Amino acid sequence: MPLTTRASEVQMRPALAALPSITPVGMAALLPGASATFSVVSNKDKLGASIDGTFLPDLSARQKFLKSHIVFRHGIRTPFSG
């Protein structure tokens, strides 16, 4: 059937997502809490991720954030569950 004989309507809506990738934004997208509050922001002329209001422009910021969301239980690191 030729495409010109079909009647249909197509709607397009833009979406923005951070793919888990080897970039500062992509790696931050995998951190705890990112599924709920992840955003890409600019702070002092630096672009980076933000999770729970914490600006994460580089590796050291991501490591600090991750350590603050991990607890030790019986000598084993486990994700913080609240």
PDB file of N, CA and C in Angstrom:
ATOM      1  N   MET A   1       0.856  -1.165   0.000  1.00  0.00           N
ATOM      2  CA  MET A   1       0.000   0.000   0.000  1.00  0.00           C
ATOM      3  C   MET A   1       0.909   1.237   0.000  1.00  0.00           C
ATOM      4  N   PRO A   2       0.692   2.157  -0.915  1.00  0.00           N
ATOM      5  CA  PRO A   2       1.508   3.369  -0.963  1.00  0.00           C
ATOM      6  C   PRO A   2       1.289   4.221   0.279  1.00  0.00           C
ATOM      7  N   LEU A   3       2.316   4.866   0.718  1.00  0.00           N
ATOM      8  CA  LEU A   3       2.239   5.708   1.904  1.00  0.00           C
ATOM      9  C   LEU A   3       1.254   6.858   1.737  1.00  0.00           C
ATOM     10  N   THR A   4       1.080   7.325   0.548  1.00  0.00           N
ATOM     11  CA  THR A   4       0.203   8.473   0.325  1.00  0.00           C
ATOM     12  C   THR A   4      -1.264   8.151   0.537  1.00  0.00           C
ATOM     13  N   THR A   5      -1.649   6.892   0.555  1.00  0.00           N
ATOM     14  CA  THR A   5      -3.053   6.543   0.745  1.00  0.00           C
ATOM     15  C   THR A   5      -3.409   6.339   2.207  1.00  0.00           C
ATOM     16  N   ARG A   6      -2.430   6.300   3.084  1.00  0.00           N
ATOM     17  CA  ARG A   6      -2.706   6.119   4.509  1.00  0.00           C
ATOM     18  C   ARG A   6      -2.841   7.482   5.177  1.00  0.00           C
ATOM     19  N   ALA A   7      -3.839   7.616   5.977  1.00  0.00           N
ATOM     20  CA  ALA A   7      -4.030   8.855   6.726  1.00  0.00           C
ATOM     21  C   ALA A   7      -3.594   8.609   8.168  1.00  0.00           C
ATOM     22  N   SER A   8      -2.639   9.384   8.622  1.00  0.00           N
ATOM     23  CA  SER A   8      -2.210   9.267  10.014  1.00  0.00           C
ATOM     24  C   SER A   8      -1.600  10.591  10.459  1.00  0.00           C
ATOM     25  N   GLU A   9      -1.547  10.752  11.723  1.00  0.00           N
ATOM     26  CA  GLU A   9      -0.983  11.968  12.292  1.00  0.00           C
ATOM     27  C   GLU A   9       0.203  11.585  13.161  1.00  0.00           C
ATOM     28  N   VAL A  10       1.285  12.288  13.008  1.00  0.00           N
ATOM     29  CA  VAL A  10       2.492  12.018  13.785  1.00  0.00           C
ATOM     30  C   VAL A  10       2.787  13.228  14.646  1.00  0.00           C
ATOM     31  N   GLN A  11       3.010  12.979  15.913  1.00  0.00           N
ATOM     32  CA  GLN A  11       3.397  14.052  16.823  1.00  0.00           C
ATOM     33  C   GLN A  11       4.795  13.750  17.336  1.00  0.00           C
ATOM     34  N   MET A  12       5.609  14.778  17.358  1.00  0.00           N
ATOM     35  CA  MET A  12       6.963  14.628  17.881  1.00  0.00           C
ATOM     36  C   MET A  12       7.132  15.556  19.070  1.00  0.00           C
ATOM     37  N   ARG A  13       7.695  15.023  20.133  1.00  0.00           N
ATOM     38  CA  ARG A  13       7.989  15.830  21.311  1.00  0.00           C
ATOM     39  C   ARG A  13       9.461  15.630  21.661  1.00  0.00           C
ATOM     40  N   PRO A  14      10.191  16.701  21.882  1.00  0.00           N
ATOM     41  CA  PRO A  14      11.604  16.556  22.226  1.00  0.00           C
ATOM     42  C   PRO A  14      11.757  15.987  23.636  1.00  0.00           C
ATOM     43  N   ALA A  15      12.813  15.261  23.842  1.00  0.00           N
ATOM     44  CA  ALA A  15      13.134  14.714  25.156  1.00  0.00           C
ATOM     45  C   ALA A  15      14.636  14.801  25.364  1.00  0.00           C
ATOM     46  N   LEU A  16      15.034  14.951  26.595  1.00  0.00           N
ATOM     47  CA  LEU A  16      16.444  15.023  26.930  1.00  0.00           C
ATOM     48  C   LEU A  16      16.738  13.928  27.936  1.00  0.00           C
ATOM     49  N   ALA A  17      17.770  13.183  27.674  1.00  0.00           N
ATOM     50  CA  ALA A  17      18.157  12.117  28.586  1.00  0.00           C
ATOM     51  C   ALA A  17      19.673  12.020  28.632  1.00  0.00           C
ATOM     52  N   ALA A  18      20.178  11.588  29.744  1.00  0.00           N
ATOM     53  CA  ALA A  18      21.618  11.372  29.883  1.00  0.00           C
ATOM     54  C   ALA A  18      21.881   9.887  29.728  1.00  0.00           C
ATOM     55  N   LEU A  19      22.571   9.546  28.702  1.00  0.00           N
ATOM     56  CA  LEU A  19      22.922   8.148  28.498  1.00  0.00           C
ATOM     57  C   LEU A  19      24.117   7.795  29.373  1.00  0.00           C
ATOM     58  N   PRO A  20      24.107   6.627  29.987  1.00  0.00           N
ATOM     59  CA  PRO A  20      25.289   6.212  30.731  1.00  0.00           C
ATOM     60  C   PRO A  20      26.461   6.092  29.756  1.00  0.00           C
ATOM     61  N   SER A  21      27.400   6.994  29.858  1.00  0.00           N
ATOM     62  CA  SER A  21      28.536   7.007  28.948  1.00  0.00           C
ATOM     63  C   SER A  21      29.795   7.421  29.705  1.00  0.00           C
ATOM     64  N   ILE A  22      30.913   7.345  29.049  1.00  0.00           N
ATOM     65  CA  ILE A  22      32.168   7.715  29.685  1.00  0.00           C
ATOM     66  C   ILE A  22      32.376   9.222  29.508  1.00  0.00           C
ATOM     67  N   THR A  23      31.494   9.977  30.129  1.00  0.00           N
ATOM     68  CA  THR A  23      31.567  11.433  30.182  1.00  0.00           C
ATOM     69  C   THR A  23      31.175  11.834  31.606  1.00  0.00           C
ATOM     70  N   PRO A  24      31.539  13.023  32.056  1.00  0.00           N
ATOM     71  CA  PRO A  24      31.140  13.426  33.411  1.00  0.00           C
ATOM     72  C   PRO A  24      29.627  13.378  33.639  1.00  0.00           C
ATOM     73  N   VAL A  25      28.856  13.773  32.642  1.00  0.00           N
ATOM     74  CA  VAL A  25      27.398  13.747  32.785  1.00  0.00           C
ATOM     75  C   VAL A  25      26.884  12.316  32.732  1.00  0.00           C
ATOM     76  N   GLY A  26      27.391  11.520  31.809  1.00  0.00           N
ATOM     77  CA  GLY A  26      26.938  10.140  31.670  1.00  0.00           C
ATOM     78  C   GLY A  26      27.250   9.285  32.878  1.00  0.00           C
ATOM     79  N   MET A  27      28.442   9.459  33.454  1.00  0.00           N
ATOM     80  CA  MET A  27      28.800   8.665  34.635  1.00  0.00           C
ATOM     81  C   MET A  27      27.974   9.083  35.847  1.00  0.00           C
ATOM     82  N   ALA A  28      27.666  10.359  35.971  1.00  0.00           N
ATOM     83  CA  ALA A  28      26.837  10.825  37.082  1.00  0.00           C
ATOM     84  C   ALA A  28      25.419  10.270  36.983  1.00  0.00           C
ATOM     85  N   ALA A  29      24.977   9.972  35.782  1.00  0.00           N
ATOM     86  CA  ALA A  29      23.627   9.441  35.588  1.00  0.00           C
ATOM     87  C   ALA A  29      23.445   8.070  36.232  1.00  0.00           C
ATOM     88  N   LEU A  30      24.531   7.416  36.590  1.00  0.00           N
ATOM     89  CA  LEU A  30      24.462   6.096  37.208  1.00  0.00           C
ATOM     90  C   LEU A  30      24.540   6.142  38.735  1.00  0.00           C
ATOM     91  N   LEU A  31      24.706   7.309  39.310  1.00  0.00           N
ATOM     92  CA  LEU A  31      24.850   7.433  40.757  1.00  0.00           C
ATOM     93  C   LEU A  31      23.511   7.281  41.480  1.00  0.00           C
ATOM     94  N   PRO A  32      23.561   6.926  42.776  1.00  0.00           N
ATOM     95  CA  PRO A  32      22.325   6.809  43.554  1.00  0.00           C
ATOM     96  C   PRO A  32      21.541   8.121  43.539  1.00  0.00           C
ATOM     97  N   GLY A  33      20.251   8.034  43.349  1.00  0.00           N
ATOM     98  CA  GLY A  33      19.382   9.199  43.347  1.00  0.00           C
ATOM     99  C   GLY A  33      19.192   9.838  41.979  1.00  0.00           C
ATOM    100  N   ALA A  34      19.998   9.441  41.003  1.00  0.00           N
ATOM    101  CA  ALA A  34      19.916  10.057  39.681  1.00  0.00           C
ATOM    102  C   ALA A  34      18.576   9.787  39.011  1.00  0.00           C
ATOM    103  N   SER A  35      17.988   8.645  39.268  1.00  0.00           N
ATOM    104  CA  SER A  35      16.720   8.333  38.604  1.00  0.00           C
ATOM    105  C   SER A  35      15.600   9.267  39.053  1.00  0.00           C
ATOM    106  N   ALA A  36      15.758   9.898  40.203  1.00  0.00           N
ATOM    107  CA  ALA A  36      14.710  10.781  40.708  1.00  0.00           C
ATOM    108  C   ALA A  36      14.997  12.264  40.497  1.00  0.00           C
ATOM    109  N   THR A  37      16.278  12.670  40.607  1.00  0.00           N
ATOM    110  CA  THR A  37      16.546  14.117  40.628  1.00  0.00           C
ATOM    111  C   THR A  37      17.689  14.546  39.725  1.00  0.00           C
ATOM    112  N   PHE A  38      18.029  13.788  38.723  1.00  0.00           N
ATOM    113  CA  PHE A  38      19.148  14.114  37.844  1.00  0.00           C
ATOM    114  C   PHE A  38      18.822  15.291  36.933  1.00  0.00           C
ATOM    115  N   SER A  39      19.782  16.201  36.806  1.00  0.00           N
ATOM    116  CA  SER A  39      19.645  17.286  35.830  1.00  0.00           C
ATOM    117  C   SER A  39      21.045  17.741  35.412  1.00  0.00           C
ATOM    118  N   VAL A  40      21.114  18.396  34.275  1.00  0.00           N
ATOM    119  CA  VAL A  40      22.367  18.971  33.785  1.00  0.00           C
ATOM    120  C   VAL A  40      22.272  20.470  34.015  1.00  0.00           C
ATOM    121  N   VAL A  41      23.271  21.010  34.720  1.00  0.00           N
ATOM    122  CA  VAL A  41      23.231  22.423  35.100  1.00  0.00           C
ATOM    123  C   VAL A  41      24.572  23.093  34.824  1.00  0.00           C
ATOM    124  N   SER A  42      24.544  24.398  34.831  1.00  0.00           N
ATOM    125  CA  SER A  42      25.747  25.208  34.703  1.00  0.00           C
ATOM    126  C   SER A  42      25.982  25.900  36.036  1.00  0.00           C
ATOM    127  N   ASN A  43      27.213  25.835  36.522  1.00  0.00           N
ATOM    128  CA  ASN A  43      27.564  26.461  37.794  1.00  0.00           C
ATOM    129  C   ASN A  43      28.945  27.080  37.646  1.00  0.00           C
ATOM    130  N   LYS A  44      29.044  28.384  37.788  1.00  0.00           N
ATOM    131  CA  LYS A  44      30.316  29.106  37.662  1.00  0.00           C
ATOM    132  C   LYS A  44      31.026  28.771  36.354  1.00  0.00           C
ATOM    133  N   ASP A  45      30.320  28.861  35.265  1.00  0.00           N
ATOM    134  CA  ASP A  45      30.846  28.595  33.921  1.00  0.00           C
ATOM    135  C   ASP A  45      31.293  27.155  33.706  1.00  0.00           C
ATOM    136  N   LYS A  46      30.848  26.224  34.559  1.00  0.00           N
ATOM    137  CA  LYS A  46      31.128  24.798  34.378  1.00  0.00           C
ATOM    138  C   LYS A  46      29.812  24.075  34.160  1.00  0.00           C
ATOM    139  N   LEU A  47      29.808  23.155  33.231  1.00  0.00           N
ATOM    140  CA  LEU A  47      28.633  22.333  32.970  1.00  0.00           C
ATOM    141  C   LEU A  47      28.820  21.001  33.673  1.00  0.00           C
ATOM    142  N   GLY A  48      27.789  20.526  34.340  1.00  0.00           N
ATOM    143  CA  GLY A  48      27.895  19.254  35.037  1.00  0.00           C
ATOM    144  C   GLY A  48      26.533  18.738  35.440  1.00  0.00           C
ATOM    145  N   ALA A  49      26.549  17.590  36.061  1.00  0.00           N
ATOM    146  CA  ALA A  49      25.313  16.968  36.532  1.00  0.00           C
ATOM    147  C   ALA A  49      24.974  17.492  37.922  1.00  0.00           C
ATOM    148  N   SER A  50      23.710  17.390  38.258  1.00  0.00           N
ATOM    149  CA  SER A  50      23.243  17.719  39.591  1.00  0.00           C
ATOM    150  C   SER A  50      22.307  16.606  40.042  1.00  0.00           C
ATOM    151  N   ILE A  51      22.552  16.096  41.247  1.00  0.00           N
ATOM    152  CA  ILE A  51      21.682  15.080  41.845  1.00  0.00           C
ATOM    153  C   ILE A  51      21.361  15.542  43.258  1.00  0.00           C
ATOM    154  N   ASP A  52      20.097  15.557  43.604  1.00  0.00           N
ATOM    155  CA  ASP A  52      19.654  16.024  44.927  1.00  0.00           C
ATOM    156  C   ASP A  52      20.221  17.399  45.246  1.00  0.00           C
ATOM    157  N   GLY A  53      20.400  18.264  44.237  1.00  0.00           N
ATOM    158  CA  GLY A  53      20.919  19.603  44.455  1.00  0.00           C
ATOM    159  C   GLY A  53      22.424  19.689  44.609  1.00  0.00           C
ATOM    160  N   THR A  54      23.122  18.569  44.455  1.00  0.00           N
ATOM    161  CA  THR A  54      24.580  18.550  44.554  1.00  0.00           C
ATOM    162  C   THR A  54      25.182  18.642  43.162  1.00  0.00           C
ATOM    163  N   PHE A  55      26.010  19.646  42.941  1.00  0.00           N
ATOM    164  CA  PHE A  55      26.660  19.845  41.644  1.00  0.00           C
ATOM    165  C   PHE A  55      27.841  18.891  41.524  1.00  0.00           C
ATOM    166  N   LEU A  56      27.889  18.134  40.424  1.00  0.00           N
ATOM    167  CA  LEU A  56      28.909  17.097  40.221  1.00  0.00           C
ATOM    168  C   LEU A  56      29.660  17.337  38.909  1.00  0.00           C
ATOM    169  N   PRO A  57      30.603  18.279  38.889  1.00  0.00           N
ATOM    170  CA  PRO A  57      31.277  18.619  37.636  1.00  0.00           C
ATOM    171  C   PRO A  57      32.439  17.713  37.261  1.00  0.00           C
ATOM    172  N   ASP A  58      32.941  16.918  38.223  1.00  0.00           N
ATOM    173  CA  ASP A  58      34.146  16.137  37.934  1.00  0.00           C
ATOM    174  C   ASP A  58      34.202  14.853  38.764  1.00  0.00           C
ATOM    175  N   LEU A  59      35.268  14.084  38.538  1.00  0.00           N
ATOM    176  CA  LEU A  59      35.432  12.785  39.199  1.00  0.00           C
ATOM    177  C   LEU A  59      35.449  12.911  40.717  1.00  0.00           C
ATOM    178  N   SER A  60      36.191  13.864  41.250  1.00  0.00           N
ATOM    179  CA  SER A  60      36.280  13.967  42.711  1.00  0.00           C
ATOM    180  C   SER A  60      34.922  14.283  43.335  1.00  0.00           C
ATOM    181  N   ALA A  61      34.129  15.107  42.680  1.00  0.00           N
ATOM    182  CA  ALA A  61      32.787  15.411  43.196  1.00  0.00           C
ATOM    183  C   ALA A  61      31.899  14.174  43.142  1.00  0.00           C
ATOM    184  N   ARG A  62      31.994  13.397  42.052  1.00  0.00           N
ATOM    185  CA  ARG A  62      31.189  12.163  41.945  1.00  0.00           C
ATOM    186  C   ARG A  62      31.614  11.150  43.001  1.00  0.00           C
ATOM    187  N   GLN A  63      32.922  11.018  43.247  1.00  0.00           N
ATOM    188  CA  GLN A  63      33.406  10.073  44.264  1.00  0.00           C
ATOM    189  C   GLN A  63      32.922  10.478  45.647  1.00  0.00           C
ATOM    190  N   LYS A  64      33.011  11.761  45.969  1.00  0.00           N
ATOM    191  CA  LYS A  64      32.551  12.254  47.269  1.00  0.00           C
ATOM    192  C   LYS A  64      31.054  11.993  47.439  1.00  0.00           C
ATOM    193  N   PHE A  65      30.278  12.262  46.391  1.00  0.00           N
ATOM    194  CA  PHE A  65      28.833  12.026  46.429  1.00  0.00           C
ATOM    195  C   PHE A  65      28.544  10.544  46.649  1.00  0.00           C
ATOM    196  N   LEU A  66      29.231   9.682  45.917  1.00  0.00           N
ATOM    197  CA  LEU A  66      29.011   8.242  46.046  1.00  0.00           C
ATOM    198  C   LEU A  66      29.358   7.757  47.444  1.00  0.00           C
ATOM    199  N   LYS A  67      30.496   8.206  47.983  1.00  0.00           N
ATOM    200  CA  LYS A  67      30.895   7.796  49.345  1.00  0.00           C
ATOM    201  C   LYS A  67      29.882   8.242  50.378  1.00  0.00           C
ATOM    202  N   SER A  68      29.248   9.370  50.167  1.00  0.00           N
ATOM    203  CA  SER A  68      28.253   9.851  51.130  1.00  0.00           C
ATOM    204  C   SER A  68      26.944   9.069  51.046  1.00  0.00           C
ATOM    205  N   HIS A  69      26.774   8.268  49.990  1.00  0.00           N
ATOM    206  CA  HIS A  69      25.561   7.479  49.823  1.00  0.00           C
ATOM    207  C   HIS A  69      25.806   5.976  49.974  1.00  0.00           C
ATOM    208  N   ILE A  70      26.979   5.610  50.481  1.00  0.00           N
ATOM    209  CA  ILE A  70      27.325   4.206  50.715  1.00  0.00           C
ATOM    210  C   ILE A  70      27.618   4.042  52.205  1.00  0.00           C
ATOM    211  N   VAL A  71      27.135   2.976  52.788  1.00  0.00           N
ATOM    212  CA  VAL A  71      27.413   2.705  54.198  1.00  0.00           C
ATOM    213  C   VAL A  71      28.042   1.323  54.335  1.00  0.00           C
ATOM    214  N   PHE A  72      28.783   1.137  55.425  1.00  0.00           N
ATOM    215  CA  PHE A  72      29.365  -0.170  55.716  1.00  0.00           C
ATOM    216  C   PHE A  72      28.410  -0.961  56.595  1.00  0.00           C
ATOM    217  N   ARG A  73      28.174  -2.195  56.203  1.00  0.00           N
ATOM    218  CA  ARG A  73      27.377  -3.117  57.016  1.00  0.00           C
ATOM    219  C   ARG A  73      28.112  -4.436  57.064  1.00  0.00           C
ATOM    220  N   HIS A  74      28.509  -4.846  58.235  1.00  0.00           N
ATOM    221  CA  HIS A  74      29.225  -6.103  58.424  1.00  0.00           C
ATOM    222  C   HIS A  74      30.469  -6.159  57.538  1.00  0.00           C
ATOM    223  N   GLY A  75      31.153  -5.022  57.377  1.00  0.00           N
ATOM    224  CA  GLY A  75      32.375  -4.981  56.596  1.00  0.00           C
ATOM    225  C   GLY A  75      32.157  -4.957  55.095  1.00  0.00           C
ATOM    226  N   ILE A  76      30.920  -4.850  54.659  1.00  0.00           N
ATOM    227  CA  ILE A  76      30.608  -4.868  53.224  1.00  0.00           C
ATOM    228  C   ILE A  76      29.940  -3.534  52.879  1.00  0.00           C
ATOM    229  N   ARG A  77      30.391  -2.934  51.769  1.00  0.00           N
ATOM    230  CA  ARG A  77      29.733  -1.712  51.316  1.00  0.00           C
ATOM    231  C   ARG A  77      28.423  -2.084  50.622  1.00  0.00           C
ATOM    232  N   THR A  78      27.354  -1.404  51.034  1.00  0.00           N
ATOM    233  CA  THR A  78      26.055  -1.633  50.411  1.00  0.00           C
ATOM    234  C   THR A  78      25.419  -0.289  50.077  1.00  0.00           C
ATOM    235  N   PRO A  79      24.575  -0.228  49.077  1.00  0.00           N
ATOM    236  CA  PRO A  79      23.915   1.040  48.778  1.00  0.00           C
ATOM    237  C   PRO A  79      23.083   1.528  49.963  1.00  0.00           C
ATOM    238  N   PHE A  80      23.129   2.805  50.225  1.00  0.00           N
ATOM    239  CA  PHE A  80      22.345   3.394  51.310  1.00  0.00           C
ATOM    240  C   PHE A  80      20.873   3.289  50.962  1.00  0.00           C
ATOM    241  N   SER A  81      20.108   2.717  51.857  1.00  0.00           N
ATOM    242  CA  SER A  81      18.687   2.510  51.581  1.00  0.00           C
ATOM    243  C   SER A  81      17.801   3.459  52.370  1.00  0.00           C
ATOM    244  N   GLY A  82      18.386   4.424  53.013  1.00  0.00           N
ATOM    245  CA  GLY A  82      17.580   5.407  53.742  1.00  0.00           C
ATOM    246  C   GLY A  82      17.562   5.052  55.144  1.00  0.00           C
TER     247      GLY A  82
END
